[in-house]
Amino acid sequence: MRKKVKKKFAFIILFVLVLFISVGYAILTSNLKINGNNYVKSAVWDIHWENVQVKSGSVTGDNVVKSATIVDSKKTIVEYSIILPKPGDYYDFTVDAVNEGTIDAMVKYVSNSGLTND
């Protein structure tokens, strides 16, 4: 009786082994075809200045040679020219940095070039 059980058990093990080998071979030799489309949204870089406002108390009149204005078509340059005739005079303005592009950005520094002390 033990011989019969051992033969039956060996037959079942052999059958399961052949089944796993067959399935494994079928999986490894089958072709896998993947089709798809990927799209990247267009990226736009558009950071500029808007809304220049001179603060009250700033020097005015003949002391302002050129009031703070945005001068180029890309709105990336603000120009101004002023004369501070006496100690304590100041010229203060604000300007909004606007990001209308699709790329996140940050203003790292603002350059004040062309400052003179005449």
PDB file of N, CA and C in Angstrom:
ATOM      1  N   MET A   1       0.814  -1.176   0.000  1.00  0.00           N
ATOM      2  CA  MET A   1       0.000   0.000   0.000  1.00  0.00           C
ATOM      3  C   MET A   1       0.874   1.262   0.000  1.00  0.00           C
ATOM      4  N   ARG A   2       1.960   1.202   0.734  1.00  0.00           N
ATOM      5  CA  ARG A   2       2.843   2.350   0.757  1.00  0.00           C
ATOM      6  C   ARG A   2       3.446   2.611  -0.607  1.00  0.00           C
ATOM      7  N   LYS A   3       3.755   1.606  -1.336  1.00  0.00           N
ATOM      8  CA  LYS A   3       4.318   1.767  -2.673  1.00  0.00           C
ATOM      9  C   LYS A   3       3.336   2.468  -3.588  1.00  0.00           C
ATOM     10  N   LYS A   4       2.058   2.113  -3.438  1.00  0.00           N
ATOM     11  CA  LYS A   4       1.016   2.707  -4.259  1.00  0.00           C
ATOM     12  C   LYS A   4       0.884   4.201  -3.958  1.00  0.00           C
ATOM     13  N   VAL A   5       0.927   4.574  -2.688  1.00  0.00           N
ATOM     14  CA  VAL A   5       0.822   5.972  -2.280  1.00  0.00           C
ATOM     15  C   VAL A   5       2.028   6.752  -2.776  1.00  0.00           C
ATOM     16  N   LYS A   6       3.212   6.150  -2.666  1.00  0.00           N
ATOM     17  CA  LYS A   6       4.426   6.809  -3.138  1.00  0.00           C
ATOM     18  C   LYS A   6       4.384   7.035  -4.636  1.00  0.00           C
ATOM     19  N   LYS A   7       3.889   6.069  -5.391  1.00  0.00           N
ATOM     20  CA  LYS A   7       3.786   6.214  -6.853  1.00  0.00           C
ATOM     21  C   LYS A   7       2.789   7.309  -7.210  1.00  0.00           C
ATOM     22  N   LYS A   8       1.665   7.314  -6.497  1.00  0.00           N
ATOM     23  CA  LYS A   8       0.642   8.318  -6.757  1.00  0.00           C
ATOM     24  C   LYS A   8       1.195   9.726  -6.434  1.00  0.00           C
ATOM     25  N   PHE A   9       1.872   9.843  -5.296  1.00  0.00           N
ATOM     26  CA  PHE A   9       2.466  11.117  -4.890  1.00  0.00           C
ATOM     27  C   PHE A   9       3.529  11.570  -5.894  1.00  0.00           C
ATOM     28  N   ALA A  10       4.356  10.651  -6.364  1.00  0.00           N
ATOM     29  CA  ALA A  10       5.397  10.967  -7.344  1.00  0.00           C
ATOM     30  C   ALA A  10       4.762  11.406  -8.664  1.00  0.00           C
ATOM     31  N   PHE A  11       3.670  10.761  -9.048  1.00  0.00           N
ATOM     32  CA  PHE A  11       2.974  11.124 -10.283  1.00  0.00           C
ATOM     33  C   PHE A  11       2.393  12.537 -10.168  1.00  0.00           C
ATOM     34  N   ILE A  12       1.791  12.874  -9.032  1.00  0.00           N
ATOM     35  CA  ILE A  12       1.205  14.206  -8.833  1.00  0.00           C
ATOM     36  C   ILE A  12       2.315  15.266  -8.852  1.00  0.00           C
ATOM     37  N   ILE A  13       3.428  15.010  -8.177  1.00  0.00           N
ATOM     38  CA  ILE A  13       4.559  15.946  -8.159  1.00  0.00           C
ATOM     39  C   ILE A  13       5.088  16.149  -9.571  1.00  0.00           C
ATOM     40  N   LEU A  14       5.224  15.051 -10.318  1.00  0.00           N
ATOM     41  CA  LEU A  14       5.714  15.138 -11.693  1.00  0.00           C
ATOM     42  C   LEU A  14       4.746  15.934 -12.565  1.00  0.00           C
ATOM     43  N   PHE A  15       3.445  15.717 -12.400  1.00  0.00           N
ATOM     44  CA  PHE A  15       2.432  16.436 -13.169  1.00  0.00           C
ATOM     45  C   PHE A  15       2.487  17.941 -12.854  1.00  0.00           C
ATOM     46  N   VAL A  16       2.553  18.299 -11.582  1.00  0.00           N
ATOM     47  CA  VAL A  16       2.614  19.704 -11.176  1.00  0.00           C
ATOM     48  C   VAL A  16       3.895  20.346 -11.700  1.00  0.00           C
ATOM     49  N   LEU A  17       5.004  19.630 -11.639  1.00  0.00           N
ATOM     50  CA  LEU A  17       6.278  20.139 -12.126  1.00  0.00           C
ATOM     51  C   LEU A  17       6.217  20.400 -13.629  1.00  0.00           C
ATOM     52  N   VAL A  18       5.680  19.474 -14.394  1.00  0.00           N
ATOM     53  CA  VAL A  18       5.541  19.650 -15.846  1.00  0.00           C
ATOM     54  C   VAL A  18       4.601  20.820 -16.148  1.00  0.00           C
ATOM     55  N   LEU A  19       3.535  20.954 -15.374  1.00  0.00           N
ATOM     56  CA  LEU A  19       2.592  22.053 -15.564  1.00  0.00           C
ATOM     57  C   LEU A  19       3.289  23.403 -15.336  1.00  0.00           C
ATOM     58  N   PHE A  20       4.053  23.552 -14.237  1.00  0.00           N
ATOM     59  CA  PHE A  20       4.769  24.796 -13.964  1.00  0.00           C
ATOM     60  C   PHE A  20       5.820  25.091 -15.024  1.00  0.00           C
ATOM     61  N   ILE A  21       6.529  24.088 -15.482  1.00  0.00           N
ATOM     62  CA  ILE A  21       7.529  24.288 -16.526  1.00  0.00           C
ATOM     63  C   ILE A  21       6.865  24.749 -17.824  1.00  0.00           C
ATOM     64  N   SER A  22       5.735  24.164 -18.165  1.00  0.00           N
ATOM     65  CA  SER A  22       5.014  24.527 -19.395  1.00  0.00           C
ATOM     66  C   SER A  22       4.516  25.971 -19.334  1.00  0.00           C
ATOM     67  N   VAL A  23       3.914  26.315 -18.216  1.00  0.00           N
ATOM     68  CA  VAL A  23       3.398  27.679 -18.062  1.00  0.00           C
ATOM     69  C   VAL A  23       4.553  28.677 -18.062  1.00  0.00           C
ATOM     70  N   GLY A  24       5.634  28.388 -17.358  1.00  0.00           N
ATOM     71  CA  GLY A  24       6.801  29.262 -17.321  1.00  0.00           C
ATOM     72  C   GLY A  24       7.398  29.455 -18.699  1.00  0.00           C
ATOM     73  N   TYR A  25       7.511  28.385 -19.473  1.00  0.00           N
ATOM     74  CA  TYR A  25       8.046  28.480 -20.831  1.00  0.00           C
ATOM     75  C   TYR A  25       7.124  29.340 -21.705  1.00  0.00           C
ATOM     76  N   ALA A  26       5.822  29.162 -21.568  1.00  0.00           N
ATOM     77  CA  ALA A  26       4.862  29.940 -22.363  1.00  0.00           C
ATOM     78  C   ALA A  26       4.973  31.434 -22.023  1.00  0.00           C
ATOM     79  N   ILE A  27       5.138  31.726 -20.741  1.00  0.00           N
ATOM     80  CA  ILE A  27       5.249  33.131 -20.335  1.00  0.00           C
ATOM     81  C   ILE A  27       6.537  33.752 -20.871  1.00  0.00           C
ATOM     82  N   LEU A  28       7.636  33.028 -20.783  1.00  0.00           N
ATOM     83  CA  LEU A  28       8.923  33.563 -21.203  1.00  0.00           C
ATOM     84  C   LEU A  28       9.068  33.687 -22.712  1.00  0.00           C
ATOM     85  N   THR A  29       8.370  32.900 -23.471  1.00  0.00           N
ATOM     86  CA  THR A  29       8.507  32.957 -24.926  1.00  0.00           C
ATOM     87  C   THR A  29       7.422  33.777 -25.606  1.00  0.00           C
ATOM     88  N   SER A  30       6.458  34.265 -24.859  1.00  0.00           N
ATOM     89  CA  SER A  30       5.402  35.056 -25.484  1.00  0.00           C
ATOM     90  C   SER A  30       5.901  36.475 -25.746  1.00  0.00           C
ATOM     91  N   ASN A  31       5.367  37.099 -26.780  1.00  0.00           N
ATOM     92  CA  ASN A  31       5.714  38.473 -27.131  1.00  0.00           C
ATOM     93  C   ASN A  31       4.768  39.424 -26.420  1.00  0.00           C
ATOM     94  N   LEU A  32       5.322  40.440 -25.850  1.00  0.00           N
ATOM     95  CA  LEU A  32       4.534  41.447 -25.179  1.00  0.00           C
ATOM     96  C   LEU A  32       4.637  42.731 -25.984  1.00  0.00           C
ATOM     97  N   LYS A  33       3.524  43.210 -26.480  1.00  0.00           N
ATOM     98  CA  LYS A  33       3.507  44.409 -27.296  1.00  0.00           C
ATOM     99  C   LYS A  33       2.737  45.487 -26.544  1.00  0.00           C
ATOM    100  N   ILE A  34       3.406  46.601 -26.306  1.00  0.00           N
ATOM    101  CA  ILE A  34       2.792  47.703 -25.575  1.00  0.00           C
ATOM    102  C   ILE A  34       2.757  48.912 -26.491  1.00  0.00           C
ATOM    103  N   ASN A  35       1.593  49.467 -26.659  1.00  0.00           N
ATOM    104  CA  ASN A  35       1.419  50.680 -27.456  1.00  0.00           C
ATOM    105  C   ASN A  35       0.929  51.790 -26.548  1.00  0.00           C
ATOM    106  N   GLY A  36       1.366  52.996 -26.798  1.00  0.00           N
ATOM    107  CA  GLY A  36       0.901  54.109 -25.994  1.00  0.00           C
ATOM    108  C   GLY A  36       1.406  55.424 -26.557  1.00  0.00           C
ATOM    109  N   ASN A  37       0.837  56.488 -26.093  1.00  0.00           N
ATOM    110  CA  ASN A  37       1.245  57.836 -26.493  1.00  0.00           C
ATOM    111  C   ASN A  37       1.499  58.653 -25.246  1.00  0.00           C
ATOM    112  N   ASN A  38       2.555  59.430 -25.282  1.00  0.00           N
ATOM    113  CA  ASN A  38       2.872  60.334 -24.187  1.00  0.00           C
ATOM    114  C   ASN A  38       2.953  61.740 -24.735  1.00  0.00           C
ATOM    115  N   TYR A  39       2.430  62.667 -23.977  1.00  0.00           N
ATOM    116  CA  TYR A  39       2.465  64.064 -24.391  1.00  0.00           C
ATOM    117  C   TYR A  39       3.032  64.911 -23.259  1.00  0.00           C
ATOM    118  N   VAL A  40       3.870  65.844 -23.613  1.00  0.00           N
ATOM    119  CA  VAL A  40       4.402  66.802 -22.655  1.00  0.00           C
ATOM    120  C   VAL A  40       3.794  68.159 -22.990  1.00  0.00           C
ATOM    121  N   LYS A  41       3.187  68.769 -21.986  1.00  0.00           N
ATOM    122  CA  LYS A  41       2.618  70.096 -22.214  1.00  0.00           C
ATOM    123  C   LYS A  41       3.740  71.066 -22.553  1.00  0.00           C
ATOM    124  N   SER A  42       3.437  71.999 -23.420  1.00  0.00           N
ATOM    125  CA  SER A  42       4.467  72.967 -23.788  1.00  0.00           C
ATOM    126  C   SER A  42       4.813  73.830 -22.579  1.00  0.00           C
ATOM    127  N   ALA A  43       6.075  74.106 -22.428  1.00  0.00           N
ATOM    128  CA  ALA A  43       6.544  74.920 -21.308  1.00  0.00           C
ATOM    129  C   ALA A  43       6.759  76.352 -21.778  1.00  0.00           C
ATOM    130  N   VAL A  44       6.258  77.278 -21.011  1.00  0.00           N
ATOM    131  CA  VAL A  44       6.366  78.687 -21.365  1.00  0.00           C
ATOM    132  C   VAL A  44       7.034  79.428 -20.205  1.00  0.00           C
ATOM    133  N   TRP A  45       8.076  80.202 -20.509  1.00  0.00           N
ATOM    134  CA  TRP A  45       8.770  81.013 -19.518  1.00  0.00           C
ATOM    135  C   TRP A  45       8.318  82.445 -19.705  1.00  0.00           C
ATOM    136  N   ASP A  46       7.550  82.976 -18.767  1.00  0.00           N
ATOM    137  CA  ASP A  46       7.065  84.352 -18.871  1.00  0.00           C
ATOM    138  C   ASP A  46       7.014  84.976 -17.477  1.00  0.00           C
ATOM    139  N   ILE A  47       8.135  85.531 -17.072  1.00  0.00           N
ATOM    140  CA  ILE A  47       8.206  86.242 -15.804  1.00  0.00           C
ATOM    141  C   ILE A  47       8.517  87.695 -16.129  1.00  0.00           C
ATOM    142  N   HIS A  48       7.712  88.581 -15.579  1.00  0.00           N
ATOM    143  CA  HIS A  48       7.908  89.996 -15.906  1.00  0.00           C
ATOM    144  C   HIS A  48       7.414  90.879 -14.764  1.00  0.00           C
ATOM    145  N   TRP A  49       7.680  92.184 -14.904  1.00  0.00           N
ATOM    146  CA  TRP A  49       7.248  93.178 -13.929  1.00  0.00           C
ATOM    147  C   TRP A  49       5.940  93.803 -14.386  1.00  0.00           C
ATOM    148  N   GLU A  50       5.101  94.147 -13.425  1.00  0.00           N
ATOM    149  CA  GLU A  50       3.849  94.870 -13.695  1.00  0.00           C
ATOM    150  C   GLU A  50       3.539  95.783 -12.520  1.00  0.00           C
ATOM    151  N   ASN A  51       2.685  96.750 -12.768  1.00  0.00           N
ATOM    152  CA  ASN A  51       2.099  97.564 -11.717  1.00  0.00           C
ATOM    153  C   ASN A  51       3.145  98.351 -10.914  1.00  0.00           C
ATOM    154  N   VAL A  52       3.865  99.228 -11.577  1.00  0.00           N
ATOM    155  CA  VAL A  52       4.850 100.079 -10.896  1.00  0.00           C
ATOM    156  C   VAL A  52       4.097 101.176 -10.157  1.00  0.00           C
ATOM    157  N   GLN A  53       4.347 101.309  -8.850  1.00  0.00           N
ATOM    158  CA  GLN A  53       3.687 102.337  -8.049  1.00  0.00           C
ATOM    159  C   GLN A  53       4.727 103.039  -7.177  1.00  0.00           C
ATOM    160  N   VAL A  54       4.817 104.358  -7.345  1.00  0.00           N
ATOM    161  CA  VAL A  54       5.722 105.156  -6.529  1.00  0.00           C
ATOM    162  C   VAL A  54       5.026 105.431  -5.201  1.00  0.00           C
ATOM    163  N   LYS A  55       5.744 105.187  -4.103  1.00  0.00           N
ATOM    164  CA  LYS A  55       5.174 105.390  -2.763  1.00  0.00           C
ATOM    165  C   LYS A  55       5.113 106.880  -2.435  1.00  0.00           C
ATOM    166  N   SER A  56       4.118 107.227  -1.658  1.00  0.00           N
ATOM    167  CA  SER A  56       3.992 108.632  -1.256  1.00  0.00           C
ATOM    168  C   SER A  56       5.156 109.006  -0.345  1.00  0.00           C
ATOM    169  N   GLY A  57       5.580 110.247  -0.442  1.00  0.00           N
ATOM    170  CA  GLY A  57       6.719 110.724   0.328  1.00  0.00           C
ATOM    171  C   GLY A  57       8.010 110.680  -0.457  1.00  0.00           C
ATOM    172  N   SER A  58       8.021 109.984  -1.588  1.00  0.00           N
ATOM    173  CA  SER A  58       9.205 109.944  -2.440  1.00  0.00           C
ATOM    174  C   SER A  58       9.434 111.316  -3.056  1.00  0.00           C
ATOM    175  N   VAL A  59      10.693 111.588  -3.445  1.00  0.00           N
ATOM    176  CA  VAL A  59      10.977 112.876  -4.087  1.00  0.00           C
ATOM    177  C   VAL A  59      10.142 113.025  -5.348  1.00  0.00           C
ATOM    178  N   THR A  60       9.761 114.250  -5.676  1.00  0.00           N
ATOM    179  CA  THR A  60       8.903 114.517  -6.837  1.00  0.00           C
ATOM    180  C   THR A  60       9.426 115.740  -7.582  1.00  0.00           C
ATOM    181  N   GLY A  61       8.691 116.131  -8.576  1.00  0.00           N
ATOM    182  CA  GLY A  61       8.983 117.359  -9.317  1.00  0.00           C
ATOM    183  C   GLY A  61      10.249 117.267 -10.143  1.00  0.00           C
ATOM    184  N   ASP A  62      11.048 118.350 -10.092  1.00  0.00           N
ATOM    185  CA  ASP A  62      12.269 118.436 -10.898  1.00  0.00           C
ATOM    186  C   ASP A  62      13.324 117.415 -10.476  1.00  0.00           C
ATOM    187  N   ASN A  63      13.196 116.862  -9.280  1.00  0.00           N
ATOM    188  CA  ASN A  63      14.160 115.871  -8.800  1.00  0.00           C
ATOM    189  C   ASN A  63      14.002 114.515  -9.493  1.00  0.00           C
ATOM    190  N   VAL A  64      12.834 114.296 -10.087  1.00  0.00           N
ATOM    191  CA  VAL A  64      12.593 113.032 -10.794  1.00  0.00           C
ATOM    192  C   VAL A  64      12.871 113.267 -12.273  1.00  0.00           C
ATOM    193  N   VAL A  65      14.039 112.828 -12.719  1.00  0.00           N
ATOM    194  CA  VAL A  65      14.410 112.977 -14.121  1.00  0.00           C
ATOM    195  C   VAL A  65      13.576 112.020 -14.962  1.00  0.00           C
ATOM    196  N   LYS A  66      13.464 110.786 -14.493  1.00  0.00           N
ATOM    197  CA  LYS A  66      12.628 109.789 -15.173  1.00  0.00           C
ATOM    198  C   LYS A  66      11.952 108.940 -14.106  1.00  0.00           C
ATOM    199  N   SER A  67      10.635 108.977 -14.088  1.00  0.00           N
ATOM    200  CA  SER A  67       9.871 108.189 -13.123  1.00  0.00           C
ATOM    201  C   SER A  67      10.025 106.701 -13.424  1.00  0.00           C
ATOM    202  N   ALA A  68       9.869 105.859 -12.409  1.00  0.00           N
ATOM    203  CA  ALA A  68      10.004 104.403 -12.582  1.00  0.00           C
ATOM    204  C   ALA A  68       8.961 103.887 -13.573  1.00  0.00           C
ATOM    205  N   THR A  69       9.452 103.338 -14.673  1.00  0.00           N
ATOM    206  CA  THR A  69       8.558 102.785 -15.701  1.00  0.00           C
ATOM    207  C   THR A  69       9.162 101.510 -16.278  1.00  0.00           C
ATOM    208  N   ILE A  70       8.294 100.662 -16.771  1.00  0.00           N
ATOM    209  CA  ILE A  70       8.733  99.445 -17.463  1.00  0.00           C
ATOM    210  C   ILE A  70       9.031  99.851 -18.898  1.00  0.00           C
ATOM    211  N   VAL A  71      10.249  99.544 -19.394  1.00  0.00           N
ATOM    212  CA  VAL A  71      10.681 100.130 -20.660  1.00  0.00           C
ATOM    213  C   VAL A  71      10.789  99.167 -21.829  1.00  0.00           C
ATOM    214  N   ASP A  72      10.834  97.872 -21.598  1.00  0.00           N
ATOM    215  CA  ASP A  72      11.003  96.966 -22.742  1.00  0.00           C
ATOM    216  C   ASP A  72       9.730  96.166 -22.996  1.00  0.00           C
ATOM    217  N   SER A  73       9.627  95.604 -24.191  1.00  0.00           N
ATOM    218  CA  SER A  73       8.409  94.882 -24.585  1.00  0.00           C
ATOM    219  C   SER A  73       8.189  93.600 -23.783  1.00  0.00           C
ATOM    220  N   LYS A  74       9.256  93.010 -23.261  1.00  0.00           N
ATOM    221  CA  LYS A  74       9.124  91.786 -22.453  1.00  0.00           C
ATOM    222  C   LYS A  74       8.825  92.109 -20.995  1.00  0.00           C
ATOM    223  N   LYS A  75       8.801  93.386 -20.653  1.00  0.00           N
ATOM    224  CA  LYS A  75       8.506  93.872 -19.303  1.00  0.00           C
ATOM    225  C   LYS A  75       9.489  93.329 -18.262  1.00  0.00           C
ATOM    226  N   THR A  76      10.770  93.282 -18.618  1.00  0.00           N
ATOM    227  CA  THR A  76      11.770  92.759 -17.695  1.00  0.00           C
ATOM    228  C   THR A  76      12.712  93.823 -17.159  1.00  0.00           C
ATOM    229  N   ILE A  77      12.559  95.074 -17.609  1.00  0.00           N
ATOM    230  CA  ILE A  77      13.444  96.153 -17.157  1.00  0.00           C
ATOM    231  C   ILE A  77      12.594  97.319 -16.672  1.00  0.00           C
ATOM    232  N   VAL A  78      12.904  97.782 -15.460  1.00  0.00           N
ATOM    233  CA  VAL A  78      12.285  98.986 -14.918  1.00  0.00           C
ATOM    234  C   VAL A  78      13.391 100.043 -14.834  1.00  0.00           C
ATOM    235  N   GLU A  79      13.157 101.173 -15.479  1.00  0.00           N
ATOM    236  CA  GLU A  79      14.159 102.249 -15.449  1.00  0.00           C
ATOM    237  C   GLU A  79      13.612 103.435 -14.671  1.00  0.00           C
ATOM    238  N   TYR A  80      14.528 104.113 -13.979  1.00  0.00           N
ATOM    239  CA  TYR A  80      14.182 105.341 -13.290  1.00  0.00           C
ATOM    240  C   TYR A  80      15.458 106.156 -13.098  1.00  0.00           C
ATOM    241  N   SER A  81      15.300 107.462 -12.994  1.00  0.00           N
ATOM    242  CA  SER A  81      16.431 108.344 -12.771  1.00  0.00           C
ATOM    243  C   SER A  81      15.951 109.476 -11.870  1.00  0.00           C
ATOM    244  N   ILE A  82      16.608 109.625 -10.740  1.00  0.00           N
ATOM    245  CA  ILE A  82      16.183 110.631  -9.775  1.00  0.00           C
ATOM    246  C   ILE A  82      17.386 111.353  -9.195  1.00  0.00           C
ATOM    247  N   ILE A  83      17.131 112.511  -8.609  1.00  0.00           N
ATOM    248  CA  ILE A  83      18.159 113.269  -7.909  1.00  0.00           C
ATOM    249  C   ILE A  83      17.674 113.418  -6.463  1.00  0.00           C
ATOM    250  N   LEU A  84      18.536 113.071  -5.530  1.00  0.00           N
ATOM    251  CA  LEU A  84      18.209 113.218  -4.113  1.00  0.00           C
ATOM    252  C   LEU A  84      19.027 114.406  -3.593  1.00  0.00           C
ATOM    253  N   PRO A  85      18.429 115.613  -3.556  1.00  0.00           N
ATOM    254  CA  PRO A  85      19.192 116.825  -3.267  1.00  0.00           C
ATOM    255  C   PRO A  85      19.636 116.990  -1.818  1.00  0.00           C
ATOM    256  N   LYS A  86      18.942 116.436  -0.869  1.00  0.00           N
ATOM    257  CA  LYS A  86      19.340 116.658   0.521  1.00  0.00           C
ATOM    258  C   LYS A  86      19.248 115.354   1.316  1.00  0.00           C
ATOM    259  N   PRO A  87      19.982 115.261   2.411  1.00  0.00           N
ATOM    260  CA  PRO A  87      19.926 114.060   3.241  1.00  0.00           C
ATOM    261  C   PRO A  87      18.493 113.780   3.721  1.00  0.00           C
ATOM    262  N   GLY A  88      18.129 112.509   3.696  1.00  0.00           N
ATOM    263  CA  GLY A  88      16.783 112.115   4.113  1.00  0.00           C
ATOM    264  C   GLY A  88      15.804 111.974   2.959  1.00  0.00           C
ATOM    265  N   ASP A  89      16.153 112.510   1.773  1.00  0.00           N
ATOM    266  CA  ASP A  89      15.287 112.329   0.608  1.00  0.00           C
ATOM    267  C   ASP A  89      15.349 110.867   0.156  1.00  0.00           C
ATOM    268  N   TYR A  90      14.255 110.411  -0.389  1.00  0.00           N
ATOM    269  CA  TYR A  90      14.233 109.031  -0.900  1.00  0.00           C
ATOM    270  C   TYR A  90      13.257 108.915  -2.063  1.00  0.00           C
ATOM    271  N   TYR A  91      13.452 107.883  -2.816  1.00  0.00           N
ATOM    272  CA  TYR A  91      12.546 107.549  -3.922  1.00  0.00           C
ATOM    273  C   TYR A  91      12.212 106.078  -3.747  1.00  0.00           C
ATOM    274  N   ASP A  92      10.964 105.789  -3.470  1.00  0.00           N
ATOM    275  CA  ASP A  92      10.547 104.422  -3.146  1.00  0.00           C
ATOM    276  C   ASP A  92       9.405 104.021  -4.070  1.00  0.00           C
ATOM    277  N   PHE A  93       9.553 102.879  -4.712  1.00  0.00           N
ATOM    278  CA  PHE A  93       8.466 102.377  -5.547  1.00  0.00           C
ATOM    279  C   PHE A  93       8.371 100.857  -5.390  1.00  0.00           C
ATOM    280  N   THR A  94       7.201 100.336  -5.711  1.00  0.00           N
ATOM    281  CA  THR A  94       6.992  98.883  -5.699  1.00  0.00           C
ATOM    282  C   THR A  94       6.646  98.431  -7.114  1.00  0.00           C
ATOM    283  N   VAL A  95       6.962  97.200  -7.375  1.00  0.00           N
ATOM    284  CA  VAL A  95       6.652  96.601  -8.673  1.00  0.00           C
ATOM    285  C   VAL A  95       6.325  95.131  -8.414  1.00  0.00           C
ATOM    286  N   ASP A  96       5.321  94.627  -9.102  1.00  0.00           N
ATOM    287  CA  ASP A  96       4.911  93.236  -8.922  1.00  0.00           C
ATOM    288  C   ASP A  96       5.672  92.326  -9.874  1.00  0.00           C
ATOM    289  N   ALA A  97       6.216  91.237  -9.346  1.00  0.00           N
ATOM    290  CA  ALA A  97       6.820  90.195 -10.183  1.00  0.00           C
ATOM    291  C   ALA A  97       5.707  89.208 -10.529  1.00  0.00           C
ATOM    292  N   VAL A  98       5.455  89.029 -11.818  1.00  0.00           N
ATOM    293  CA  VAL A  98       4.341  88.206 -12.278  1.00  0.00           C
ATOM    294  C   VAL A  98       4.872  87.011 -13.065  1.00  0.00           C
ATOM    295  N   ASN A  99       4.370  85.830 -12.749  1.00  0.00           N
ATOM    296  CA  ASN A  99       4.716  84.621 -13.496  1.00  0.00           C
ATOM    297  C   ASN A  99       3.481  84.173 -14.265  1.00  0.00           C
ATOM    298  N   GLU A 100       3.458  84.462 -15.561  1.00  0.00           N
ATOM    299  CA  GLU A 100       2.350  84.023 -16.408  1.00  0.00           C
ATOM    300  C   GLU A 100       2.757  82.820 -17.254  1.00  0.00           C
ATOM    301  N   GLY A 101       3.895  82.227 -16.955  1.00  0.00           N
ATOM    302  CA  GLY A 101       4.354  81.050 -17.680  1.00  0.00           C
ATOM    303  C   GLY A 101       3.846  79.777 -17.022  1.00  0.00           C
ATOM    304  N   THR A 102       4.250  78.649 -17.583  1.00  0.00           N
ATOM    305  CA  THR A 102       3.845  77.344 -17.042  1.00  0.00           C
ATOM    306  C   THR A 102       4.952  76.709 -16.223  1.00  0.00           C
ATOM    307  N   ILE A 103       6.086  77.389 -16.100  1.00  0.00           N
ATOM    308  CA  ILE A 103       7.210  76.870 -15.327  1.00  0.00           C
ATOM    309  C   ILE A 103       7.254  77.617 -13.999  1.00  0.00           C
ATOM    310  N   ASP A 104       7.316  76.886 -12.887  1.00  0.00           N
ATOM    311  CA  ASP A 104       7.457  77.526 -11.589  1.00  0.00           C
ATOM    312  C   ASP A 104       8.796  78.243 -11.535  1.00  0.00           C
ATOM    313  N   ALA A 105       8.789  79.428 -10.989  1.00  0.00           N
ATOM    314  CA  ALA A 105      10.024  80.207 -10.947  1.00  0.00           C
ATOM    315  C   ALA A 105      10.061  81.054  -9.683  1.00  0.00           C
ATOM    316  N   MET A 106      11.249  81.569  -9.402  1.00  0.00           N
ATOM    317  CA  MET A 106      11.445  82.400  -8.225  1.00  0.00           C
ATOM    318  C   MET A 106      12.462  83.483  -8.577  1.00  0.00           C
ATOM    319  N   VAL A 107      12.193  84.705  -8.150  1.00  0.00           N
ATOM    320  CA  VAL A 107      13.154  85.784  -8.350  1.00  0.00           C
ATOM    321  C   VAL A 107      14.213  85.633  -7.272  1.00  0.00           C
ATOM    322  N   LYS A 108      15.459  85.430  -7.690  1.00  0.00           N
ATOM    323  CA  LYS A 108      16.546  85.204  -6.750  1.00  0.00           C
ATOM    324  C   LYS A 108      17.175  86.521  -6.301  1.00  0.00           C
ATOM    325  N   TYR A 109      17.347  87.467  -7.220  1.00  0.00           N
ATOM    326  CA  TYR A 109      17.903  88.767  -6.854  1.00  0.00           C
ATOM    327  C   TYR A 109      17.431  89.808  -7.855  1.00  0.00           C
ATOM    328  N   VAL A 110      17.483  91.060  -7.438  1.00  0.00           N
ATOM    329  CA  VAL A 110      17.151  92.194  -8.298  1.00  0.00           C
ATOM    330  C   VAL A 110      18.395  93.049  -8.388  1.00  0.00           C
ATOM    331  N   SER A 111      18.784  93.385  -9.597  1.00  0.00           N
ATOM    332  CA  SER A 111      20.016  94.138  -9.834  1.00  0.00           C
ATOM    333  C   SER A 111      19.694  95.627  -9.945  1.00  0.00           C
ATOM    334  N   ASN A 112      20.407  96.436  -9.202  1.00  0.00           N
ATOM    335  CA  ASN A 112      20.333  97.903  -9.324  1.00  0.00           C
ATOM    336  C   ASN A 112      21.590  98.359 -10.010  1.00  0.00           C
ATOM    337  N   SER A 113      21.606  98.306 -11.309  1.00  0.00           N
ATOM    338  CA  SER A 113      22.814  98.700 -12.047  1.00  0.00           C
ATOM    339  C   SER A 113      22.713 100.170 -12.438  1.00  0.00           C
ATOM    340  N   GLY A 114      23.847 100.772 -12.618  1.00  0.00           N
ATOM    341  CA  GLY A 114      23.889 102.156 -13.084  1.00  0.00           C
ATOM    342  C   GLY A 114      23.702 103.177 -11.975  1.00  0.00           C
ATOM    343  N   LEU A 115      23.849 102.806 -10.733  1.00  0.00           N
ATOM    344  CA  LEU A 115      23.707 103.779  -9.639  1.00  0.00           C
ATOM    345  C   LEU A 115      24.947 104.666  -9.587  1.00  0.00           C
ATOM    346  N   THR A 116      24.720 105.962  -9.499  1.00  0.00           N
ATOM    347  CA  THR A 116      25.861 106.887  -9.411  1.00  0.00           C
ATOM    348  C   THR A 116      25.637 107.821  -8.230  1.00  0.00           C
ATOM    349  N   ASN A 117      26.691 108.402  -7.777  1.00  0.00           N
ATOM    350  CA  ASN A 117      26.641 109.341  -6.665  1.00  0.00           C
ATOM    351  C   ASN A 117      27.310 110.642  -7.115  1.00  0.00           C
ATOM    352  N   ASP A 118      26.573 111.471  -7.879  1.00  0.00           N
ATOM    353  CA  ASP A 118      27.151 112.713  -8.410  1.00  0.00           C
ATOM    354  C   ASP A 118      26.989 113.858  -7.449  1.00  0.00           C
TER     355      ASP A 118
END
